[in-house]
């Protein structure tokens, strides 16, 4: 398993990435919106998001449209395929 902490500066977004899914995301600080296959999920510190496994893959992007930084922790299987777009 891989654990990744990511910080999103104010008024920014992550890179869009596609992979098979099965990712668990815990939001540690701030507020934002995550897009999973075009569906938007608003979140704040303390929330979690379970990304489904899909044979065709899942496209994900995180947005921080606010004026304070946001931080999230991603837990992913180390044997899963991962492509950045």
PDB file of N, CA and C in Angstrom:
ATOM      1  N   UNK A   1       0.842  -1.170   0.000  1.00  0.00           N
ATOM      2  CA  UNK A   1       0.000   0.000   0.000  1.00  0.00           C
ATOM      3  C   UNK A   1       0.886   1.231   0.000  1.00  0.00           C
ATOM      4  N   UNK A   2       0.458   2.229  -0.752  1.00  0.00           N
ATOM      5  CA  UNK A   2       1.154   3.510  -0.760  1.00  0.00           C
ATOM      6  C   UNK A   2       0.293   4.567  -0.087  1.00  0.00           C
ATOM      7  N   UNK A   3       0.919   5.419   0.692  1.00  0.00           N
ATOM      8  CA  UNK A   3       0.241   6.544   1.330  1.00  0.00           C
ATOM      9  C   UNK A   3       0.845   7.830   0.798  1.00  0.00           C
ATOM     10  N   UNK A   4       0.010   8.742   0.352  1.00  0.00           N
ATOM     11  CA  UNK A   4       0.479   9.979  -0.247  1.00  0.00           C
ATOM     12  C   UNK A   4      -0.258  11.154   0.378  1.00  0.00           C
ATOM     13  N   UNK A   5       0.460  12.110   0.932  1.00  0.00           N
ATOM     14  CA  UNK A   5      -0.144  13.339   1.438  1.00  0.00           C
ATOM     15  C   UNK A   5       0.035  14.391   0.352  1.00  0.00           C
ATOM     16  N   UNK A   6      -1.043  15.075   0.031  1.00  0.00           N
ATOM     17  CA  UNK A   6      -1.006  16.080  -1.022  1.00  0.00           C
ATOM     18  C   UNK A   6      -1.561  17.380  -0.465  1.00  0.00           C
ATOM     19  N   UNK A   7      -0.890  18.479  -0.739  1.00  0.00           N
ATOM     20  CA  UNK A   7      -1.390  19.791  -0.345  1.00  0.00           C
ATOM     21  C   UNK A   7      -1.849  20.536  -1.590  1.00  0.00           C
ATOM     22  N   UNK A   8      -3.031  21.121  -1.496  1.00  0.00           N
ATOM     23  CA  UNK A   8      -3.566  21.945  -2.575  1.00  0.00           C
ATOM     24  C   UNK A   8      -3.528  23.400  -2.114  1.00  0.00           C
ATOM     25  N   UNK A   9      -2.695  24.224  -2.714  1.00  0.00           N
ATOM     26  CA  UNK A   9      -2.665  25.644  -2.349  1.00  0.00           C
ATOM     27  C   UNK A   9      -4.028  26.286  -2.630  1.00  0.00           C
ATOM     28  N   UNK A  10      -4.281  27.445  -2.029  1.00  0.00           N
ATOM     29  CA  UNK A  10      -5.532  28.157  -2.309  1.00  0.00           C
ATOM     30  C   UNK A  10      -5.709  28.395  -3.811  1.00  0.00           C
ATOM     31  N   UNK A  11      -6.943  28.296  -4.268  1.00  0.00           N
ATOM     32  CA  UNK A  11      -7.296  28.580  -5.663  1.00  0.00           C
ATOM     33  C   UNK A  11      -6.513  27.709  -6.662  1.00  0.00           C
ATOM     34  N   UNK A  12      -6.381  26.414  -6.359  1.00  0.00           N
ATOM     35  CA  UNK A  12      -5.612  25.538  -7.249  1.00  0.00           C
ATOM     36  C   UNK A  12      -6.336  24.204  -7.435  1.00  0.00           C
ATOM     37  N   UNK A  13      -5.714  23.334  -8.221  1.00  0.00           N
ATOM     38  CA  UNK A  13      -6.250  21.981  -8.410  1.00  0.00           C
ATOM     39  C   UNK A  13      -5.089  21.014  -8.594  1.00  0.00           C
ATOM     40  N   UNK A  14      -5.372  19.756  -8.371  1.00  0.00           N
ATOM     41  CA  UNK A  14      -4.369  18.718  -8.614  1.00  0.00           C
ATOM     42  C   UNK A  14      -4.328  18.416 -10.104  1.00  0.00           C
ATOM     43  N   UNK A  15      -3.369  17.609 -10.503  1.00  0.00           N
ATOM     44  CA  UNK A  15      -3.397  17.080 -11.853  1.00  0.00           C
ATOM     45  C   UNK A  15      -4.533  16.076 -11.967  1.00  0.00           C
ATOM     46  N   UNK A  16      -5.064  15.934 -13.152  1.00  0.00           N
ATOM     47  CA  UNK A  16      -6.103  14.929 -13.400  1.00  0.00           C
ATOM     48  C   UNK A  16      -5.396  13.598 -13.613  1.00  0.00           C
ATOM     49  N   UNK A  17      -5.882  12.556 -12.969  1.00  0.00           N
ATOM     50  CA  UNK A  17      -5.262  11.251 -13.162  1.00  0.00           C
ATOM     51  C   UNK A  17      -6.319  10.184 -13.353  1.00  0.00           C
ATOM     52  N   UNK A  18      -5.940   9.108 -14.038  1.00  0.00           N
ATOM     53  CA  UNK A  18      -6.833   7.984 -14.305  1.00  0.00           C
ATOM     54  C   UNK A  18      -6.106   6.708 -13.881  1.00  0.00           C
ATOM     55  N   UNK A  19      -6.848   5.880 -13.176  1.00  0.00           N
ATOM     56  CA  UNK A  19      -6.323   4.561 -12.834  1.00  0.00           C
ATOM     57  C   UNK A  19      -7.480   3.663 -12.472  1.00  0.00           C
ATOM     58  N   UNK A  20      -7.251   2.425 -12.070  1.00  0.00           N
ATOM     59  CA  UNK A  20      -8.349   1.481 -11.889  1.00  0.00           C
ATOM     60  C   UNK A  20      -9.224   1.765 -10.675  1.00  0.00           C
ATOM     61  N   UNK A  21      -8.803   2.615  -9.758  1.00  0.00           N
ATOM     62  CA  UNK A  21      -9.612   2.940  -8.572  1.00  0.00           C
ATOM     63  C   UNK A  21      -9.182   2.139  -7.360  1.00  0.00           C
ATOM     64  N   UNK A  22     -10.082   2.020  -6.391  1.00  0.00           N
ATOM     65  CA  UNK A  22      -9.756   1.317  -5.159  1.00  0.00           C
ATOM     66  C   UNK A  22      -8.953   2.182  -4.204  1.00  0.00           C
ATOM     67  N   UNK A  23      -9.070   3.474  -4.335  1.00  0.00           N
ATOM     68  CA  UNK A  23      -8.312   4.447  -3.549  1.00  0.00           C
ATOM     69  C   UNK A  23      -9.185   4.965  -2.408  1.00  0.00           C
ATOM     70  N   UNK A  24      -8.606   5.179  -1.238  1.00  0.00           N
ATOM     71  CA  UNK A  24      -9.307   5.797  -0.114  1.00  0.00           C
ATOM     72  C   UNK A  24      -8.646   7.132   0.143  1.00  0.00           C
ATOM     73  N   UNK A  25      -9.443   8.201   0.212  1.00  0.00           N
ATOM     74  CA  UNK A  25      -8.925   9.547   0.411  1.00  0.00           C
ATOM     75  C   UNK A  25      -9.513  10.105   1.698  1.00  0.00           C
ATOM     76  N   UNK A  26      -8.650  10.616   2.570  1.00  0.00           N
ATOM     77  CA  UNK A  26      -9.083  11.283   3.796  1.00  0.00           C
ATOM     78  C   UNK A  26      -8.639  12.739   3.688  1.00  0.00           C
ATOM     79  N   UNK A  27      -9.557  13.640   3.925  1.00  0.00           N
ATOM     80  CA  UNK A  27      -9.282  15.067   3.809  1.00  0.00           C
ATOM     81  C   UNK A  27      -8.874  15.585   5.184  1.00  0.00           C
ATOM     82  N   UNK A  28      -7.633  16.054   5.282  1.00  0.00           N
ATOM     83  CA  UNK A  28      -7.023  16.412   6.563  1.00  0.00           C
ATOM     84  C   UNK A  28      -7.216  17.872   6.948  1.00  0.00           C
ATOM     85  N   UNK A  29      -7.297  18.776   5.974  1.00  0.00           N
ATOM     86  CA  UNK A  29      -7.399  20.209   6.267  1.00  0.00           C
ATOM     87  C   UNK A  29      -8.067  20.917   5.094  1.00  0.00           C
ATOM     88  N   UNK A  30      -8.741  22.014   5.381  1.00  0.00           N
ATOM     89  CA  UNK A  30      -9.339  22.840   4.350  1.00  0.00           C
ATOM     90  C   UNK A  30     -10.652  22.290   3.831  1.00  0.00           C
ATOM     91  N   UNK A  31     -11.034  22.806   2.655  1.00  0.00           N
ATOM     92  CA  UNK A  31     -12.266  22.414   1.975  1.00  0.00           C
ATOM     93  C   UNK A  31     -11.984  22.343   0.484  1.00  0.00           C
ATOM     94  N   UNK A  32     -12.803  21.594  -0.229  1.00  0.00           N
ATOM     95  CA  UNK A  32     -12.617  21.525  -1.665  1.00  0.00           C
ATOM     96  C   UNK A  32     -13.662  20.680  -2.346  1.00  0.00           C
ATOM     97  N   UNK A  33     -13.358  20.335  -3.591  1.00  0.00           N
ATOM     98  CA  UNK A  33     -14.251  19.526  -4.418  1.00  0.00           C
ATOM     99  C   UNK A  33     -13.387  18.496  -5.134  1.00  0.00           C
ATOM    100  N   UNK A  34     -13.830  17.240  -5.129  1.00  0.00           N
ATOM    101  CA  UNK A  34     -13.162  16.207  -5.911  1.00  0.00           C
ATOM    102  C   UNK A  34     -14.096  15.773  -7.025  1.00  0.00           C
ATOM    103  N   UNK A  35     -13.522  15.571  -8.211  1.00  0.00           N
ATOM    104  CA  UNK A  35     -14.268  15.071  -9.360  1.00  0.00           C
ATOM    105  C   UNK A  35     -13.869  13.628  -9.575  1.00  0.00           C
ATOM    106  N   UNK A  36     -14.842  12.744  -9.606  1.00  0.00           N
ATOM    107  CA  UNK A  36     -14.614  11.326  -9.889  1.00  0.00           C
ATOM    108  C   UNK A  36     -15.478  10.976 -11.094  1.00  0.00           C
ATOM    109  N   UNK A  37     -14.843  10.719 -12.230  1.00  0.00           N
ATOM    110  CA  UNK A  37     -15.557  10.449 -13.485  1.00  0.00           C
ATOM    111  C   UNK A  37     -16.631  11.493 -13.769  1.00  0.00           C
ATOM    112  N   UNK A  38     -16.301  12.766 -13.551  1.00  0.00           N
ATOM    113  CA  UNK A  38     -17.202  13.862 -13.859  1.00  0.00           C
ATOM    114  C   UNK A  38     -18.213  14.195 -12.768  1.00  0.00           C
ATOM    115  N   UNK A  39     -18.351  13.348 -11.761  1.00  0.00           N
ATOM    116  CA  UNK A  39     -19.268  13.620 -10.650  1.00  0.00           C
ATOM    117  C   UNK A  39     -18.505  14.371  -9.563  1.00  0.00           C
ATOM    118  N   UNK A  40     -19.080  15.456  -9.048  1.00  0.00           N
ATOM    119  CA  UNK A  40     -18.394  16.295  -8.069  1.00  0.00           C
ATOM    120  C   UNK A  40     -18.833  15.969  -6.642  1.00  0.00           C
ATOM    121  N   UNK A  41     -17.846  15.943  -5.744  1.00  0.00           N
ATOM    122  CA  UNK A  41     -18.075  15.686  -4.321  1.00  0.00           C
ATOM    123  C   UNK A  41     -17.419  16.804  -3.522  1.00  0.00           C
ATOM    124  N   UNK A  42     -18.213  17.595  -2.802  1.00  0.00           N
ATOM    125  CA  UNK A  42     -17.664  18.627  -1.935  1.00  0.00           C
ATOM    126  C   UNK A  42     -17.195  17.980  -0.637  1.00  0.00           C
ATOM    127  N   UNK A  43     -16.087  18.490  -0.083  1.00  0.00           N
ATOM    128  CA  UNK A  43     -15.547  17.918   1.147  1.00  0.00           C
ATOM    129  C   UNK A  43     -14.938  19.004   2.020  1.00  0.00           C
ATOM    130  N   UNK A  44     -14.716  18.632   3.278  1.00  0.00           N
ATOM    131  CA  UNK A  44     -14.009  19.473   4.247  1.00  0.00           C
ATOM    132  C   UNK A  44     -13.195  18.558   5.144  1.00  0.00           C
ATOM    133  N   UNK A  45     -12.332  19.158   5.959  1.00  0.00           N
ATOM    134  CA  UNK A  45     -11.460  18.372   6.849  1.00  0.00           C
ATOM    135  C   UNK A  45     -12.302  17.389   7.664  1.00  0.00           C
ATOM    136  N   UNK A  46     -11.828  16.141   7.725  1.00  0.00           N
ATOM    137  CA  UNK A  46     -12.515  15.091   8.469  1.00  0.00           C
ATOM    138  C   UNK A  46     -13.361  14.184   7.590  1.00  0.00           C
ATOM    139  N   UNK A  47     -13.644  14.597   6.340  1.00  0.00           N
ATOM    140  CA  UNK A  47     -14.414  13.765   5.421  1.00  0.00           C
ATOM    141  C   UNK A  47     -13.507  12.723   4.773  1.00  0.00           C
ATOM    142  N   UNK A  48     -14.134  11.711   4.180  1.00  0.00           N
ATOM    143  CA  UNK A  48     -13.397  10.672   3.452  1.00  0.00           C
ATOM    144  C   UNK A  48     -14.159  10.346   2.171  1.00  0.00           C
ATOM    145  N   UNK A  49     -13.433   9.838   1.180  1.00  0.00           N
ATOM    146  CA  UNK A  49     -14.013   9.467  -0.097  1.00  0.00           C
ATOM    147  C   UNK A  49     -13.414   8.133  -0.524  1.00  0.00           C
ATOM    148  N   UNK A  50     -14.268   7.144  -0.775  1.00  0.00           N
ATOM    149  CA  UNK A  50     -13.821   5.845  -1.283  1.00  0.00           C
ATOM    150  C   UNK A  50     -14.035   5.847  -2.798  1.00  0.00           C
ATOM    151  N   UNK A  51     -12.958   5.706  -3.559  1.00  0.00           N
ATOM    152  CA  UNK A  51     -13.032   5.714  -5.016  1.00  0.00           C
ATOM    153  C   UNK A  51     -13.242   4.275  -5.482  1.00  0.00           C
ATOM    154  N   UNK A  52     -14.295   4.032  -6.270  1.00  0.00           N
ATOM    155  CA  UNK A  52     -14.611   2.662  -6.681  1.00  0.00           C
ATOM    156  C   UNK A  52     -13.573   2.085  -7.649  1.00  0.00           C
ATOM    157  N   UNK A  53     -13.528   0.766  -7.731  1.00  0.00           N
ATOM    158  CA  UNK A  53     -12.718   0.079  -8.738  1.00  0.00           C
ATOM    159  C   UNK A  53     -13.594  -0.090  -9.974  1.00  0.00           C
ATOM    160  N   UNK A  54     -13.054   0.302 -11.130  1.00  0.00           N
ATOM    161  CA  UNK A  54     -13.783   0.144 -12.385  1.00  0.00           C
ATOM    162  C   UNK A  54     -12.837  -0.395 -13.437  1.00  0.00           C
ATOM    163  N   UNK A  55     -13.309  -1.367 -14.190  1.00  0.00           N
ATOM    164  CA  UNK A  55     -12.469  -2.005 -15.211  1.00  0.00           C
ATOM    165  C   UNK A  55     -11.933  -0.995 -16.219  1.00  0.00           C
ATOM    166  N   UNK A  56     -12.749  -0.020 -16.598  1.00  0.00           N
ATOM    167  CA  UNK A  56     -12.330   0.990 -17.574  1.00  0.00           C
ATOM    168  C   UNK A  56     -11.472   2.076 -16.934  1.00  0.00           C
ATOM    169  N   UNK A  57     -11.298   2.033 -15.623  1.00  0.00           N
ATOM    170  CA  UNK A  57     -10.524   3.041 -14.917  1.00  0.00           C
ATOM    171  C   UNK A  57     -11.415   4.156 -14.391  1.00  0.00           C
ATOM    172  N   UNK A  58     -10.838   4.986 -13.538  1.00  0.00           N
ATOM    173  CA  UNK A  58     -11.539   6.097 -12.896  1.00  0.00           C
ATOM    174  C   UNK A  58     -10.687   7.348 -13.099  1.00  0.00           C
ATOM    175  N   UNK A  59     -11.318   8.441 -13.519  1.00  0.00           N
ATOM    176  CA  UNK A  59     -10.605   9.710 -13.680  1.00  0.00           C
ATOM    177  C   UNK A  59     -10.903  10.583 -12.462  1.00  0.00           C
ATOM    178  N   UNK A  60      -9.837  11.138 -11.844  1.00  0.00           N
ATOM    179  CA  UNK A  60      -9.965  11.878 -10.591  1.00  0.00           C
ATOM    180  C   UNK A  60      -9.201  13.197 -10.685  1.00  0.00           C
ATOM    181  N   UNK A  61      -9.783  14.244 -10.078  1.00  0.00           N
ATOM    182  CA  UNK A  61      -9.119  15.534  -9.951  1.00  0.00           C
ATOM    183  C   UNK A  61      -9.646  16.207  -8.689  1.00  0.00           C
ATOM    184  N   UNK A  62      -8.773  16.887  -7.956  1.00  0.00           N
ATOM    185  CA  UNK A  62      -9.155  17.579  -6.727  1.00  0.00           C
ATOM    186  C   UNK A  62      -8.987  19.085  -6.930  1.00  0.00           C
ATOM    187  N   UNK A  63      -9.973  19.863  -6.464  1.00  0.00           N
ATOM    188  CA  UNK A  63      -9.976  21.316  -6.619  1.00  0.00           C
ATOM    189  C   UNK A  63     -10.038  21.986  -5.249  1.00  0.00           C
ATOM    190  N   UNK A  64      -9.296  23.069  -5.094  1.00  0.00           N
ATOM    191  CA  UNK A  64      -9.397  23.906  -3.899  1.00  0.00           C
ATOM    192  C   UNK A  64      -9.731  25.328  -4.356  1.00  0.00           C
ATOM    193  N   UNK A  65     -11.039  25.672  -4.413  1.00  0.00           N
ATOM    194  CA  UNK A  65     -11.430  27.004  -4.865  1.00  0.00           C
ATOM    195  C   UNK A  65     -11.429  28.041  -3.741  1.00  0.00           C
ATOM    196  N   UNK A  66     -10.933  27.685  -2.589  1.00  0.00           N
ATOM    197  CA  UNK A  66     -11.007  28.547  -1.407  1.00  0.00           C
ATOM    198  C   UNK A  66      -9.696  29.297  -1.167  1.00  0.00           C
ATOM    199  N   UNK A  67      -9.699  30.161  -0.154  1.00  0.00           N
ATOM    200  CA  UNK A  67      -8.542  31.015   0.138  1.00  0.00           C
ATOM    201  C   UNK A  67      -7.599  30.448   1.187  1.00  0.00           C
ATOM    202  N   UNK A  68      -7.844  29.219   1.646  1.00  0.00           N
ATOM    203  CA  UNK A  68      -6.923  28.572   2.583  1.00  0.00           C
ATOM    204  C   UNK A  68      -6.431  27.266   1.954  1.00  0.00           C
ATOM    205  N   UNK A  69      -5.236  26.796   2.335  1.00  0.00           N
ATOM    206  CA  UNK A  69      -4.733  25.546   1.773  1.00  0.00           C
ATOM    207  C   UNK A  69      -5.588  24.355   2.222  1.00  0.00           C
ATOM    208  N   UNK A  70      -5.549  23.316   1.421  1.00  0.00           N
ATOM    209  CA  UNK A  70      -6.234  22.067   1.753  1.00  0.00           C
ATOM    210  C   UNK A  70      -5.210  20.941   1.693  1.00  0.00           C
ATOM    211  N   UNK A  71      -5.437  19.893   2.479  1.00  0.00           N
ATOM    212  CA  UNK A  71      -4.507  18.758   2.499  1.00  0.00           C
ATOM    213  C   UNK A  71      -5.307  17.466   2.537  1.00  0.00           C
ATOM    214  N   UNK A  72      -4.857  16.499   1.769  1.00  0.00           N
ATOM    215  CA  UNK A  72      -5.519  15.198   1.729  1.00  0.00           C
ATOM    216  C   UNK A  72      -4.497  14.087   1.785  1.00  0.00           C
ATOM    217  N   UNK A  73      -4.930  12.926   2.252  1.00  0.00           N
ATOM    218  CA  UNK A  73      -4.088  11.732   2.354  1.00  0.00           C
ATOM    219  C   UNK A  73      -4.739  10.657   1.507  1.00  0.00           C
ATOM    220  N   UNK A  74      -3.977  10.102   0.570  1.00  0.00           N
ATOM    221  CA  UNK A  74      -4.484   9.059  -0.321  1.00  0.00           C
ATOM    222  C   UNK A  74      -3.825   7.728   0.028  1.00  0.00           C
ATOM    223  N   UNK A  75      -4.636   6.703   0.195  1.00  0.00           N
ATOM    224  CA  UNK A  75      -4.137   5.336   0.391  1.00  0.00           C
ATOM    225  C   UNK A  75      -4.489   4.548  -0.865  1.00  0.00           C
ATOM    226  N   UNK A  76      -3.453   4.006  -1.512  1.00  0.00           N
ATOM    227  CA  UNK A  76      -3.652   3.267  -2.764  1.00  0.00           C
ATOM    228  C   UNK A  76      -2.917   1.938  -2.697  1.00  0.00           C
ATOM    229  N   UNK A  77      -3.454   0.967  -3.434  1.00  0.00           N
ATOM    230  CA  UNK A  77      -2.767  -0.326  -3.535  1.00  0.00           C
ATOM    231  C   UNK A  77      -1.486  -0.132  -4.324  1.00  0.00           C
ATOM    232  N   UNK A  78      -0.393  -0.691  -3.868  1.00  0.00           N
ATOM    233  CA  UNK A  78       0.896  -0.490  -4.532  1.00  0.00           C
ATOM    234  C   UNK A  78       0.999  -1.240  -5.860  1.00  0.00           C
ATOM    235  N   UNK A  79       0.120  -2.222  -6.103  1.00  0.00           N
ATOM    236  CA  UNK A  79       0.182  -2.982  -7.354  1.00  0.00           C
ATOM    237  C   UNK A  79      -0.802  -2.468  -8.395  1.00  0.00           C
ATOM    238  N   UNK A  80      -1.481  -1.337  -8.119  1.00  0.00           N
ATOM    239  CA  UNK A  80      -2.474  -0.808  -9.036  1.00  0.00           C
ATOM    240  C   UNK A  80      -1.814   0.061 -10.105  1.00  0.00           C
ATOM    241  N   UNK A  81      -2.358   0.041 -11.309  1.00  0.00           N
ATOM    242  CA  UNK A  81      -1.858   0.891 -12.395  1.00  0.00           C
ATOM    243  C   UNK A  81      -2.261   2.334 -12.153  1.00  0.00           C
ATOM    244  N   UNK A  82      -1.431   3.284 -12.576  1.00  0.00           N
ATOM    245  CA  UNK A  82      -1.680   4.705 -12.304  1.00  0.00           C
ATOM    246  C   UNK A  82      -1.160   5.514 -13.470  1.00  0.00           C
ATOM    247  N   UNK A  83      -2.032   6.296 -14.102  1.00  0.00           N
ATOM    248  CA  UNK A  83      -1.627   7.128 -15.241  1.00  0.00           C
ATOM    249  C   UNK A  83      -2.028   8.563 -14.966  1.00  0.00           C
ATOM    250  N   UNK A  84      -1.131   9.491 -15.191  1.00  0.00           N
ATOM    251  CA  UNK A  84      -1.450  10.922 -15.053  1.00  0.00           C
ATOM    252  C   UNK A  84      -1.870  11.448 -16.422  1.00  0.00           C
ATOM    253  N   UNK A  85      -2.857  12.376 -16.380  1.00  0.00           N
ATOM    254  CA  UNK A  85      -3.336  12.938 -17.636  1.00  0.00           C
ATOM    255  C   UNK A  85      -3.283  14.427 -17.635  1.00  0.00           C
TER     256      UNK A  85
END
